[in-house]
PDB file of N, CA and C in Angstrom:
ATOM      1  N   UNK A   1    -106.286  18.767  -6.992  1.00  0.00           N
ATOM      2  CA  UNK A   1    -107.262  17.690  -6.870  1.00  0.00           C
ATOM      3  C   UNK A   1    -107.753  17.558  -5.438  1.00  0.00           C
ATOM      4  N   UNK A   2    -106.825  17.591  -4.500  1.00  0.00           N
ATOM      5  CA  UNK A   2    -107.184  17.440  -3.099  1.00  0.00           C
ATOM      6  C   UNK A   2    -108.082  18.584  -2.627  1.00  0.00           C
ATOM      7  N   UNK A   3    -107.776  19.817  -3.059  1.00  0.00           N
ATOM      8  CA  UNK A   3    -108.570  20.986  -2.650  1.00  0.00           C
ATOM      9  C   UNK A   3    -110.016  20.859  -3.121  1.00  0.00           C
ATOM     10  N   UNK A   4    -110.196  20.417  -4.359  1.00  0.00           N
ATOM     11  CA  UNK A   4    -111.535  20.307  -4.935  1.00  0.00           C
ATOM     12  C   UNK A   4    -112.419  19.371  -4.122  1.00  0.00           C
ATOM     13  N   UNK A   5    -111.830  18.384  -3.546  1.00  0.00           N
ATOM     14  CA  UNK A   5    -112.540  17.386  -2.752  1.00  0.00           C
ATOM     15  C   UNK A   5    -113.191  17.994  -1.513  1.00  0.00           C
ATOM     16  N   UNK A   6    -112.612  19.098  -1.014  1.00  0.00           N
ATOM     17  CA  UNK A   6    -113.100  19.704   0.227  1.00  0.00           C
ATOM     18  C   UNK A   6    -113.895  20.994  -0.011  1.00  0.00           C
ATOM     19  N   UNK A   7    -114.117  21.340  -1.250  1.00  0.00           N
ATOM     20  CA  UNK A   7    -114.764  22.612  -1.586  1.00  0.00           C
ATOM     21  C   UNK A   7    -116.146  22.745  -0.938  1.00  0.00           C
ATOM     22  N   UNK A   8    -116.971  21.728  -1.022  1.00  0.00           N
ATOM     23  CA  UNK A   8    -118.320  21.788  -0.440  1.00  0.00           C
ATOM     24  C   UNK A   8    -118.246  21.891   1.086  1.00  0.00           C
ATOM     25  N   UNK A   9    -117.352  21.136   1.687  1.00  0.00           N
ATOM     26  CA  UNK A   9    -117.198  21.185   3.145  1.00  0.00           C
ATOM     27  C   UNK A   9    -116.763  22.574   3.602  1.00  0.00           C
ATOM     28  N   UNK A  10    -115.872  23.215   2.828  1.00  0.00           N
ATOM     29  CA  UNK A  10    -115.416  24.562   3.175  1.00  0.00           C
ATOM     30  C   UNK A  10    -116.547  25.581   3.033  1.00  0.00           C
ATOM     31  N   UNK A  11    -117.338  25.437   1.977  1.00  0.00           N
ATOM     32  CA  UNK A  11    -118.487  26.338   1.792  1.00  0.00           C
ATOM     33  C   UNK A  11    -119.485  26.163   2.932  1.00  0.00           C
ATOM     34  N   UNK A  12    -119.765  24.931   3.294  1.00  0.00           N
ATOM     35  CA  UNK A  12    -120.667  24.670   4.421  1.00  0.00           C
ATOM     36  C   UNK A  12    -120.101  25.258   5.708  1.00  0.00           C
ATOM     37  N   UNK A  13    -118.798  25.139   5.893  1.00  0.00           N
ATOM     38  CA  UNK A  13    -118.144  25.670   7.087  1.00  0.00           C
ATOM     39  C   UNK A  13    -118.239  27.202   7.120  1.00  0.00           C
ATOM     40  N   UNK A  14    -118.122  27.834   5.974  1.00  0.00           N
ATOM     41  CA  UNK A  14    -118.264  29.294   5.901  1.00  0.00           C
ATOM     42  C   UNK A  14    -119.663  29.724   6.308  1.00  0.00           C
ATOM     43  N   UNK A  15    -120.629  28.830   6.112  1.00  0.00           N
ATOM     44  CA  UNK A  15    -122.020  29.119   6.487  1.00  0.00           C
ATOM     45  C   UNK A  15    -122.344  28.697   7.918  1.00  0.00           C
ATOM     46  N   UNK A  16    -121.349  28.157   8.624  1.00  0.00           N
ATOM     47  CA  UNK A  16    -121.566  27.828  10.033  1.00  0.00           C
ATOM     48  C   UNK A  16    -121.518  26.366  10.395  1.00  0.00           C
ATOM     49  N   UNK A  17    -121.395  25.484   9.415  1.00  0.00           N
ATOM     50  CA  UNK A  17    -121.334  24.051   9.718  1.00  0.00           C
ATOM     51  C   UNK A  17    -119.956  23.707  10.286  1.00  0.00           C
ATOM     52  N   UNK A  18    -119.893  22.711  11.160  1.00  0.00           N
ATOM     53  CA  UNK A  18    -118.579  22.307  11.694  1.00  0.00           C
ATOM     54  C   UNK A  18    -117.722  21.663  10.596  1.00  0.00           C
ATOM     55  N   UNK A  19    -116.438  21.761  10.760  1.00  0.00           N
ATOM     56  CA  UNK A  19    -115.489  21.172   9.812  1.00  0.00           C
ATOM     57  C   UNK A  19    -114.740  20.064  10.543  1.00  0.00           C
ATOM     58  N   UNK A  20    -114.829  18.838  10.044  1.00  0.00           N
ATOM     59  CA  UNK A  20    -114.250  17.684  10.734  1.00  0.00           C
ATOM     60  C   UNK A  20    -113.281  16.912   9.847  1.00  0.00           C
ATOM     61  N   UNK A  21    -112.547  16.065  10.483  1.00  0.00           N
ATOM     62  CA  UNK A  21    -111.733  15.054   9.821  1.00  0.00           C
ATOM     63  C   UNK A  21    -110.747  15.571   8.801  1.00  0.00           C
ATOM     64  N   UNK A  22    -110.790  14.928   7.628  1.00  0.00           N
ATOM     65  CA  UNK A  22    -109.828  15.211   6.571  1.00  0.00           C
ATOM     66  C   UNK A  22    -109.937  16.654   6.082  1.00  0.00           C
ATOM     67  N   UNK A  23    -111.142  17.207   6.062  1.00  0.00           N
ATOM     68  CA  UNK A  23    -111.307  18.593   5.609  1.00  0.00           C
ATOM     69  C   UNK A  23    -110.627  19.558   6.569  1.00  0.00           C
ATOM     70  N   UNK A  24    -110.758  19.317   7.882  1.00  0.00           N
ATOM     71  CA  UNK A  24    -110.098  20.174   8.869  1.00  0.00           C
ATOM     72  C   UNK A  24    -108.583  20.049   8.765  1.00  0.00           C
ATOM     73  N   UNK A  25    -108.098  18.838   8.568  1.00  0.00           N
ATOM     74  CA  UNK A  25    -106.657  18.635   8.432  1.00  0.00           C
ATOM     75  C   UNK A  25    -106.131  19.304   7.167  1.00  0.00           C
ATOM     76  N   UNK A  26    -106.874  19.216   6.095  1.00  0.00           N
ATOM     77  CA  UNK A  26    -106.463  19.854   4.846  1.00  0.00           C
ATOM     78  C   UNK A  26    -106.416  21.372   5.015  1.00  0.00           C
ATOM     79  N   UNK A  27    -107.429  21.927   5.645  1.00  0.00           N
ATOM     80  CA  UNK A  27    -107.481  23.376   5.841  1.00  0.00           C
ATOM     81  C   UNK A  27    -106.287  23.874   6.653  1.00  0.00           C
ATOM     82  N   UNK A  28    -105.854  23.069   7.602  1.00  0.00           N
ATOM     83  CA  UNK A  28    -104.712  23.457   8.442  1.00  0.00           C
ATOM     84  C   UNK A  28    -103.421  23.570   7.634  1.00  0.00           C
ATOM     85  N   UNK A  29    -103.339  22.854   6.508  1.00  0.00           N
ATOM     86  CA  UNK A  29    -102.094  22.845   5.737  1.00  0.00           C
ATOM     87  C   UNK A  29    -102.181  23.575   4.402  1.00  0.00           C
ATOM     88  N   UNK A  30    -103.368  24.023   3.978  1.00  0.00           N
ATOM     89  CA  UNK A  30    -103.531  24.606   2.636  1.00  0.00           C
ATOM     90  C   UNK A  30    -103.911  26.082   2.717  1.00  0.00           C
ATOM     91  N   UNK A  31    -102.984  26.940   2.363  1.00  0.00           N
ATOM     92  CA  UNK A  31    -103.251  28.385   2.416  1.00  0.00           C
ATOM     93  C   UNK A  31    -104.270  28.804   1.354  1.00  0.00           C
ATOM     94  N   UNK A  32    -104.321  28.123   0.235  1.00  0.00           N
ATOM     95  CA  UNK A  32    -105.294  28.442  -0.814  1.00  0.00           C
ATOM     96  C   UNK A  32    -106.726  28.213  -0.313  1.00  0.00           C
ATOM     97  N   UNK A  33    -106.935  27.121   0.388  1.00  0.00           N
ATOM     98  CA  UNK A  33    -108.271  26.821   0.917  1.00  0.00           C
ATOM     99  C   UNK A  33    -108.627  27.760   2.074  1.00  0.00           C
ATOM    100  N   UNK A  34    -107.634  28.165   2.862  1.00  0.00           N
ATOM    101  CA  UNK A  34    -107.911  29.140   3.933  1.00  0.00           C
ATOM    102  C   UNK A  34    -108.342  30.474   3.326  1.00  0.00           C
ATOM    103  N   UNK A  35    -107.695  30.872   2.235  1.00  0.00           N
ATOM    104  CA  UNK A  35    -108.071  32.103   1.534  1.00  0.00           C
ATOM    105  C   UNK A  35    -109.485  31.978   0.972  1.00  0.00           C
ATOM    106  N   UNK A  36    -109.773  30.836   0.379  1.00  0.00           N
ATOM    107  CA  UNK A  36    -111.118  30.585  -0.148  1.00  0.00           C
ATOM    108  C   UNK A  36    -112.148  30.646   0.968  1.00  0.00           C
ATOM    109  N   UNK A  37    -111.852  30.032   2.105  1.00  0.00           N
ATOM    110  CA  UNK A  37    -112.775  30.035   3.241  1.00  0.00           C
ATOM    111  C   UNK A  37    -113.044  31.456   3.729  1.00  0.00           C
ATOM    112  N   UNK A  38    -112.006  32.264   3.831  1.00  0.00           N
ATOM    113  CA  UNK A  38    -112.186  33.649   4.285  1.00  0.00           C
ATOM    114  C   UNK A  38    -113.034  34.447   3.297  1.00  0.00           C
ATOM    115  N   UNK A  39    -112.818  34.226   2.002  1.00  0.00           N
ATOM    116  CA  UNK A  39    -113.619  34.918   0.989  1.00  0.00           C
ATOM    117  C   UNK A  39    -115.085  34.498   1.084  1.00  0.00           C
ATOM    118  N   UNK A  40    -115.318  33.227   1.264  1.00  0.00           N
ATOM    119  CA  UNK A  40    -116.694  32.752   1.391  1.00  0.00           C
ATOM    120  C   UNK A  40    -117.344  33.274   2.671  1.00  0.00           C
ATOM    121  N   UNK A  41    -116.585  33.387   3.748  1.00  0.00           N
ATOM    122  CA  UNK A  41    -117.121  33.970   4.985  1.00  0.00           C
ATOM    123  C   UNK A  41    -117.510  35.431   4.764  1.00  0.00           C
ATOM    124  N   UNK A  42    -116.678  36.184   4.027  1.00  0.00           N
ATOM    125  CA  UNK A  42    -117.008  37.579   3.723  1.00  0.00           C
ATOM    126  C   UNK A  42    -118.302  37.667   2.912  1.00  0.00           C
ATOM    127  N   UNK A  43    -118.450  36.755   1.948  1.00  0.00           N
ATOM    128  CA  UNK A  43    -119.665  36.735   1.132  1.00  0.00           C
ATOM    129  C   UNK A  43    -120.884  36.430   1.997  1.00  0.00           C
ATOM    130  N   UNK A  44    -120.767  35.434   2.863  1.00  0.00           N
ATOM    131  CA  UNK A  44    -121.879  35.066   3.747  1.00  0.00           C
ATOM    132  C   UNK A  44    -122.246  36.247   4.653  1.00  0.00           C
ATOM    133  N   UNK A  45    -121.261  36.920   5.216  1.00  0.00           N
ATOM    134  CA  UNK A  45    -121.540  38.081   6.072  1.00  0.00           C
ATOM    135  C   UNK A  45    -122.191  39.215   5.291  1.00  0.00           C
ATOM    136  N   UNK A  46    -121.745  39.438   4.052  1.00  0.00           N
ATOM    137  CA  UNK A  46    -122.349  40.485   3.225  1.00  0.00           C
ATOM    138  C   UNK A  46    -123.813  40.161   2.916  1.00  0.00           C
ATOM    139  N   UNK A  47    -124.080  38.909   2.599  1.00  0.00           N
ATOM    140  CA  UNK A  47    -125.467  38.490   2.343  1.00  0.00           C
ATOM    141  C   UNK A  47    -126.300  38.660   3.606  1.00  0.00           C
ATOM    142  N   UNK A  48    -125.755  38.267   4.738  1.00  0.00           N
ATOM    143  CA  UNK A  48    -126.458  38.393   6.011  1.00  0.00           C
ATOM    144  C   UNK A  48    -126.766  39.863   6.318  1.00  0.00           C
ATOM    145  N   UNK A  49    -125.792  40.751   6.091  1.00  0.00           N
ATOM    146  CA  UNK A  49    -126.014  42.185   6.305  1.00  0.00           C
ATOM    147  C   UNK A  49    -127.098  42.721   5.383  1.00  0.00           C
ATOM    148  N   UNK A  50    -127.060  42.323   4.111  1.00  0.00           N
ATOM    149  CA  UNK A  50    -128.083  42.766   3.160  1.00  0.00           C
ATOM    150  C   UNK A  50    -129.472  42.302   3.582  1.00  0.00           C
ATOM    151  N   UNK A  51    -129.559  41.049   4.012  1.00  0.00           N
ATOM    152  CA  UNK A  51    -130.855  40.529   4.475  1.00  0.00           C
ATOM    153  C   UNK A  51    -131.332  41.260   5.720  1.00  0.00           C
ATOM    154  N   UNK A  52    -130.431  41.513   6.648  1.00  0.00           N
ATOM    155  CA  UNK A  52    -130.805  42.246   7.866  1.00  0.00           C
ATOM    156  C   UNK A  52    -131.350  43.625   7.527  1.00  0.00           C
ATOM    157  N   UNK A  53    -130.686  44.313   6.612  1.00  0.00           N
ATOM    158  CA  UNK A  53    -131.159  45.647   6.214  1.00  0.00           C
ATOM    159  C   UNK A  53    -132.498  45.561   5.502  1.00  0.00           C
ATOM    160  N   UNK A  54    -132.653  44.587   4.626  1.00  0.00           N
ATOM    161  CA  UNK A  54    -133.894  44.452   3.860  1.00  0.00           C
ATOM    162  C   UNK A  54    -135.076  44.083   4.755  1.00  0.00           C
ATOM    163  N   UNK A  55    -134.801  43.331   5.794  1.00  0.00           N
ATOM    164  CA  UNK A  55    -135.889  42.861   6.665  1.00  0.00           C
ATOM    165  C   UNK A  55    -136.138  43.764   7.864  1.00  0.00           C
ATOM    166  N   UNK A  56    -135.325  44.786   8.034  1.00  0.00           N
ATOM    167  CA  UNK A  56    -135.512  45.653   9.201  1.00  0.00           C
ATOM    168  C   UNK A  56    -136.437  46.807   8.823  1.00  0.00           C
ATOM    169  N   UNK A  57    -137.713  46.500   8.774  1.00  0.00           N
ATOM    170  CA  UNK A  57    -138.725  47.514   8.495  1.00  0.00           C
ATOM    171  C   UNK A  57    -139.543  47.733   9.748  1.00  0.00           C
ATOM    172  N   UNK A  58    -140.040  48.926   9.865  1.00  0.00           N
ATOM    173  CA  UNK A  58    -140.910  49.202  11.002  1.00  0.00           C
ATOM    174  C   UNK A  58    -142.133  49.945  10.497  1.00  0.00           C
ATOM    175  N   UNK A  59    -143.216  49.735  11.154  1.00  0.00           N
ATOM    176  CA  UNK A  59    -144.465  50.368  10.764  1.00  0.00           C
ATOM    177  C   UNK A  59    -144.421  51.846  11.101  1.00  0.00           C
ATOM    178  N   UNK A  60    -145.139  52.618  10.312  1.00  0.00           N
ATOM    179  CA  UNK A  60    -145.206  54.047  10.582  1.00  0.00           C
ATOM    180  C   UNK A  60    -145.979  54.287  11.879  1.00  0.00           C
ATOM    181  N   UNK A  61    -145.767  55.435  12.516  1.00  0.00           N
ATOM    182  CA  UNK A  61    -146.502  55.740  13.741  1.00  0.00           C
ATOM    183  C   UNK A  61    -148.008  55.731  13.466  1.00  0.00           C
ATOM    184  N   UNK A  62    -148.748  55.113  14.336  1.00  0.00           N
ATOM    185  CA  UNK A  62    -150.197  55.058  14.187  1.00  0.00           C
ATOM    186  C   UNK A  62    -150.697  53.923  13.317  1.00  0.00           C
ATOM    187  N   UNK A  63    -149.796  53.133  12.728  1.00  0.00           N
ATOM    188  CA  UNK A  63    -150.217  52.047  11.842  1.00  0.00           C
ATOM    189  C   UNK A  63    -151.112  51.043  12.567  1.00  0.00           C
ATOM    190  N   UNK A  64    -150.686  50.643  13.740  1.00  0.00           N
ATOM    191  CA  UNK A  64    -151.447  49.657  14.510  1.00  0.00           C
ATOM    192  C   UNK A  64    -152.849  50.178  14.832  1.00  0.00           C
ATOM    193  N   UNK A  65    -152.940  51.440  15.218  1.00  0.00           N
ATOM    194  CA  UNK A  65    -154.247  52.021  15.540  1.00  0.00           C
ATOM    195  C   UNK A  65    -155.145  52.074  14.306  1.00  0.00           C
ATOM    196  N   UNK A  66    -154.569  52.406  13.148  1.00  0.00           N
ATOM    197  CA  UNK A  66    -155.354  52.451  11.914  1.00  0.00           C
ATOM    198  C   UNK A  66    -155.870  51.072  11.526  1.00  0.00           C
ATOM    199  N   UNK A  67    -155.024  50.071  11.632  1.00  0.00           N
ATOM    200  CA  UNK A  67    -155.437  48.705  11.293  1.00  0.00           C
ATOM    201  C   UNK A  67    -156.538  48.239  12.245  1.00  0.00           C
ATOM    202  N   UNK A  68    -156.368  48.505  13.521  1.00  0.00           N
ATOM    203  CA  UNK A  68    -157.376  48.103  14.498  1.00  0.00           C
ATOM    204  C   UNK A  68    -158.707  48.785  14.220  1.00  0.00           C
ATOM    205  N   UNK A  69    -158.684  50.082  13.904  1.00  0.00           N
ATOM    206  CA  UNK A  69    -159.919  50.814  13.607  1.00  0.00           C
ATOM    207  C   UNK A  69    -160.615  50.242  12.375  1.00  0.00           C
ATOM    208  N   UNK A  70    -159.829  49.943  11.335  1.00  0.00           N
ATOM    209  CA  UNK A  70    -160.434  49.363  10.132  1.00  0.00           C
ATOM    210  C   UNK A  70    -161.040  47.999  10.402  1.00  0.00           C
ATOM    211  N   UNK A  71    -160.348  47.187  11.160  1.00  0.00           N
ATOM    212  CA  UNK A  71    -160.876  45.857  11.483  1.00  0.00           C
ATOM    213  C   UNK A  71    -162.174  45.965  12.273  1.00  0.00           C
ATOM    214  N   UNK A  72    -162.246  46.916  13.173  1.00  0.00           N
ATOM    215  CA  UNK A  72    -163.479  47.095  13.946  1.00  0.00           C
ATOM    216  C   UNK A  72    -164.622  47.551  13.045  1.00  0.00           C
ATOM    217  N   UNK A  73    -164.334  48.459  12.090  1.00  0.00           N
ATOM    218  CA  UNK A  73    -165.385  48.913  11.168  1.00  0.00           C
ATOM    219  C   UNK A  73    -165.874  47.766  10.302  1.00  0.00           C
ATOM    220  N   UNK A  74    -164.944  47.005   9.743  1.00  0.00           N
ATOM    221  CA  UNK A  74    -165.316  45.885   8.880  1.00  0.00           C
ATOM    222  C   UNK A  74    -166.079  44.842   9.683  1.00  0.00           C
ATOM    223  N   UNK A  75    -165.655  44.594  10.898  1.00  0.00           N
ATOM    224  CA  UNK A  75    -166.315  43.616  11.748  1.00  0.00           C
ATOM    225  C   UNK A  75    -167.744  44.031  12.047  1.00  0.00           C
ATOM    226  N   UNK A  76    -167.969  45.298  12.367  1.00  0.00           N
ATOM    227  CA  UNK A  76    -169.331  45.737  12.702  1.00  0.00           C
ATOM    228  C   UNK A  76    -170.215  45.727  11.462  1.00  0.00           C
ATOM    229  N   UNK A  77    -169.655  46.054  10.275  1.00  0.00           N
ATOM    230  CA  UNK A  77    -170.433  45.991   9.041  1.00  0.00           C
ATOM    231  C   UNK A  77    -170.804  44.544   8.748  1.00  0.00           C
ATOM    232  N   UNK A  78    -169.853  43.651   8.935  1.00  0.00           N
ATOM    233  CA  UNK A  78    -170.107  42.234   8.691  1.00  0.00           C
ATOM    234  C   UNK A  78    -171.173  41.682   9.613  1.00  0.00           C
ATOM    235  N   UNK A  79    -171.204  42.103  10.868  1.00  0.00           N
ATOM    236  CA  UNK A  79    -172.211  41.634  11.821  1.00  0.00           C
ATOM    237  C   UNK A  79    -173.584  42.121  11.403  1.00  0.00           C
ATOM    238  N   UNK A  80    -173.677  43.401  11.005  1.00  0.00           N
ATOM    239  CA  UNK A  80    -174.984  43.936  10.593  1.00  0.00           C
ATOM    240  C   UNK A  80    -175.492  43.232   9.349  1.00  0.00           C
ATOM    241  N   UNK A  81    -174.608  43.018   8.364  1.00  0.00           N
ATOM    242  CA  UNK A  81    -175.024  42.324   7.150  1.00  0.00           C
ATOM    243  C   UNK A  81    -175.447  40.898   7.475  1.00  0.00           C
ATOM    244  N   UNK A  82    -174.688  40.249   8.333  1.00  0.00           N
ATOM    245  CA  UNK A  82    -175.016  38.878   8.721  1.00  0.00           C
ATOM    246  C   UNK A  82    -176.358  38.796   9.426  1.00  0.00           C
ATOM    247  N   UNK A  83    -176.650  39.782  10.261  1.00  0.00           N
ATOM    248  CA  UNK A  83    -177.924  39.822  10.980  1.00  0.00           C
ATOM    249  C   UNK A  83    -179.076  39.922   9.989  1.00  0.00           C
ATOM    250  N   UNK A  84    -178.967  40.861   9.028  1.00  0.00           N
ATOM    251  CA  UNK A  84    -180.044  41.062   8.069  1.00  0.00           C
ATOM    252  C   UNK A  84    -180.169  39.861   7.131  1.00  0.00           C
ATOM    253  N   UNK A  85    -179.093  39.236   6.781  1.00  0.00           N
ATOM    254  CA  UNK A  85    -179.153  38.057   5.920  1.00  0.00           C
ATOM    255  C   UNK A  85    -179.850  36.906   6.640  1.00  0.00           C
ATOM    256  N   UNK A  86    -179.553  36.713   7.913  1.00  0.00           N
ATOM    257  CA  UNK A  86    -180.193  35.646   8.690  1.00  0.00           C
ATOM    258  C   UNK A  86    -181.685  35.928   8.858  1.00  0.00           C
ATOM    259  N   UNK A  87    -182.026  37.199   9.106  1.00  0.00           N
ATOM    260  CA  UNK A  87    -183.431  37.570   9.258  1.00  0.00           C
ATOM    261  C   UNK A  87    -184.190  37.348   7.954  1.00  0.00           C
ATOM    262  N   UNK A  88    -183.584  37.705   6.829  1.00  0.00           N
ATOM    263  CA  UNK A  88    -184.221  37.508   5.518  1.00  0.00           C
ATOM    264  C   UNK A  88    -184.411  36.021   5.235  1.00  0.00           C
ATOM    265  N   UNK A  89    -183.428  35.208   5.567  1.00  0.00           N
ATOM    266  CA  UNK A  89    -183.545  33.763   5.346  1.00  0.00           C
ATOM    267  C   UNK A  89    -184.656  33.170   6.197  1.00  0.00           C
ATOM    268  N   UNK A  90    -184.758  33.596   7.437  1.00  0.00           N
ATOM    269  CA  UNK A  90    -185.815  33.082   8.316  1.00  0.00           C
ATOM    270  C   UNK A  90    -187.186  33.493   7.802  1.00  0.00           C
ATOM    271  N   UNK A  91    -187.309  34.751   7.334  1.00  0.00           N
ATOM    272  CA  UNK A  91    -188.594  35.216   6.802  1.00  0.00           C
ATOM    273  C   UNK A  91    -188.965  34.446   5.543  1.00  0.00           C
ATOM    274  N   UNK A  92    -187.995  34.154   4.688  1.00  0.00           N
ATOM    275  CA  UNK A  92    -188.244  33.401   3.462  1.00  0.00           C
ATOM    276  C   UNK A  92    -188.715  31.991   3.787  1.00  0.00           C
ATOM    277  N   UNK A  93    -188.077  31.356   4.754  1.00  0.00           N
ATOM    278  CA  UNK A  93    -188.498  30.003   5.153  1.00  0.00           C
ATOM    279  C   UNK A  93    -189.900  30.006   5.739  1.00  0.00           C
ATOM    280  N   UNK A  94    -190.201  30.994   6.546  1.00  0.00           N
ATOM    281  CA  UNK A  94    -191.543  31.073   7.138  1.00  0.00           C
ATOM    282  C   UNK A  94    -192.588  31.283   6.052  1.00  0.00           C
ATOM    283  N   UNK A  95    -192.312  32.162   5.095  1.00  0.00           N
ATOM    284  CA  UNK A  95    -193.254  32.419   4.007  1.00  0.00           C
ATOM    285  C   UNK A  95    -193.408  31.184   3.134  1.00  0.00           C
ATOM    286  N   UNK A  96    -192.321  30.486   2.836  1.00  0.00           N
ATOM    287  CA  UNK A  96    -192.387  29.276   2.021  1.00  0.00           C
ATOM    288  C   UNK A  96    -193.204  28.202   2.725  1.00  0.00           C
ATOM    289  N   UNK A  97    -193.025  28.065   4.015  1.00  0.00           N
ATOM    290  CA  UNK A  97    -193.788  27.055   4.769  1.00  0.00           C
ATOM    291  C   UNK A  97    -195.273  27.392   4.757  1.00  0.00           C
ATOM    292  N   UNK A  98    -195.595  28.646   4.780  1.00  0.00           N
ATOM    293  CA  UNK A  98    -197.000  29.076   4.784  1.00  0.00           C
ATOM    294  C   UNK A  98    -197.629  28.880   3.411  1.00  0.00           C
ATOM    295  N   UNK A  99    -196.861  29.104   2.341  1.00  0.00           N
ATOM    296  CA  UNK A  99    -197.416  29.062   0.994  1.00  0.00           C
ATOM    297  C   UNK A  99    -197.404  27.684   0.351  1.00  0.00           C
ATOM    298  N   UNK A 100    -196.697  26.722   0.884  1.00  0.00           N
ATOM    299  CA  UNK A 100    -196.642  25.392   0.291  1.00  0.00           C
ATOM    300  C   UNK A 100    -198.015  24.747   0.448  1.00  0.00           C
ATOM    301  N   UNK A 101    -198.628  24.313  -0.698  1.00  0.00           N
ATOM    302  CA  UNK A 101    -199.965  23.717  -0.618  1.00  0.00           C
ATOM    303  C   UNK A 101    -199.954  22.417   0.177  1.00  0.00           C
ATOM    304  N   UNK A 102    -200.966  22.240   0.959  1.00  0.00           N
ATOM    305  CA  UNK A 102    -201.149  21.026   1.728  1.00  0.00           C
ATOM    306  C   UNK A 102    -200.304  20.976   2.982  1.00  0.00           C
ATOM    307  N   UNK A 103    -199.564  21.959   3.213  1.00  0.00           N
ATOM    308  CA  UNK A 103    -198.706  21.971   4.412  1.00  0.00           C
ATOM    309  C   UNK A 103    -199.434  22.717   5.516  1.00  0.00           C
ATOM    310  N   UNK A 104    -199.499  22.103   6.646  1.00  0.00           N
ATOM    311  CA  UNK A 104    -200.141  22.759   7.784  1.00  0.00           C
ATOM    312  C   UNK A 104    -199.145  22.916   8.892  1.00  0.00           C
ATOM    313  N   UNK A 105    -199.298  23.992   9.582  1.00  0.00           N
ATOM    314  CA  UNK A 105    -198.409  24.251  10.728  1.00  0.00           C
ATOM    315  C   UNK A 105    -199.086  23.688  11.938  1.00  0.00           C
ATOM    316  N   UNK A 106    -198.377  22.821  12.660  1.00  0.00           N
ATOM    317  CA  UNK A 106    -198.948  22.222  13.855  1.00  0.00           C
ATOM    318  C   UNK A 106    -198.634  23.082  15.049  1.00  0.00           C
ATOM    319  N   UNK A 107    -199.614  23.145  15.914  1.00  0.00           N
ATOM    320  CA  UNK A 107    -199.431  23.945  17.122  1.00  0.00           C
ATOM    321  C   UNK A 107    -199.210  23.081  18.318  1.00  0.00           C
TER     322      UNK A 107
END
């Protein structure tokens, strides 16, 4: 019964949280809980190792240069399209202003 009361505190401690008060005193006297704590620490370390391996990726050589080149190409295409779209819109507005009946352009 007493061990069950400290189970969450021991799990938290295995993950790095401090262990205080009654839980620390219990751990000092209970070999079963010390064994449980060591097993949970091994599990936490194994998970940490797996995550480290899974997250340790590196880009292939030349990846950065390829991404930069693509971004520059897309950027220049976007600028040209934007230029022609703005020019077309301005021409449409000018033509509409000229063709609207009763509308005069003031000089």
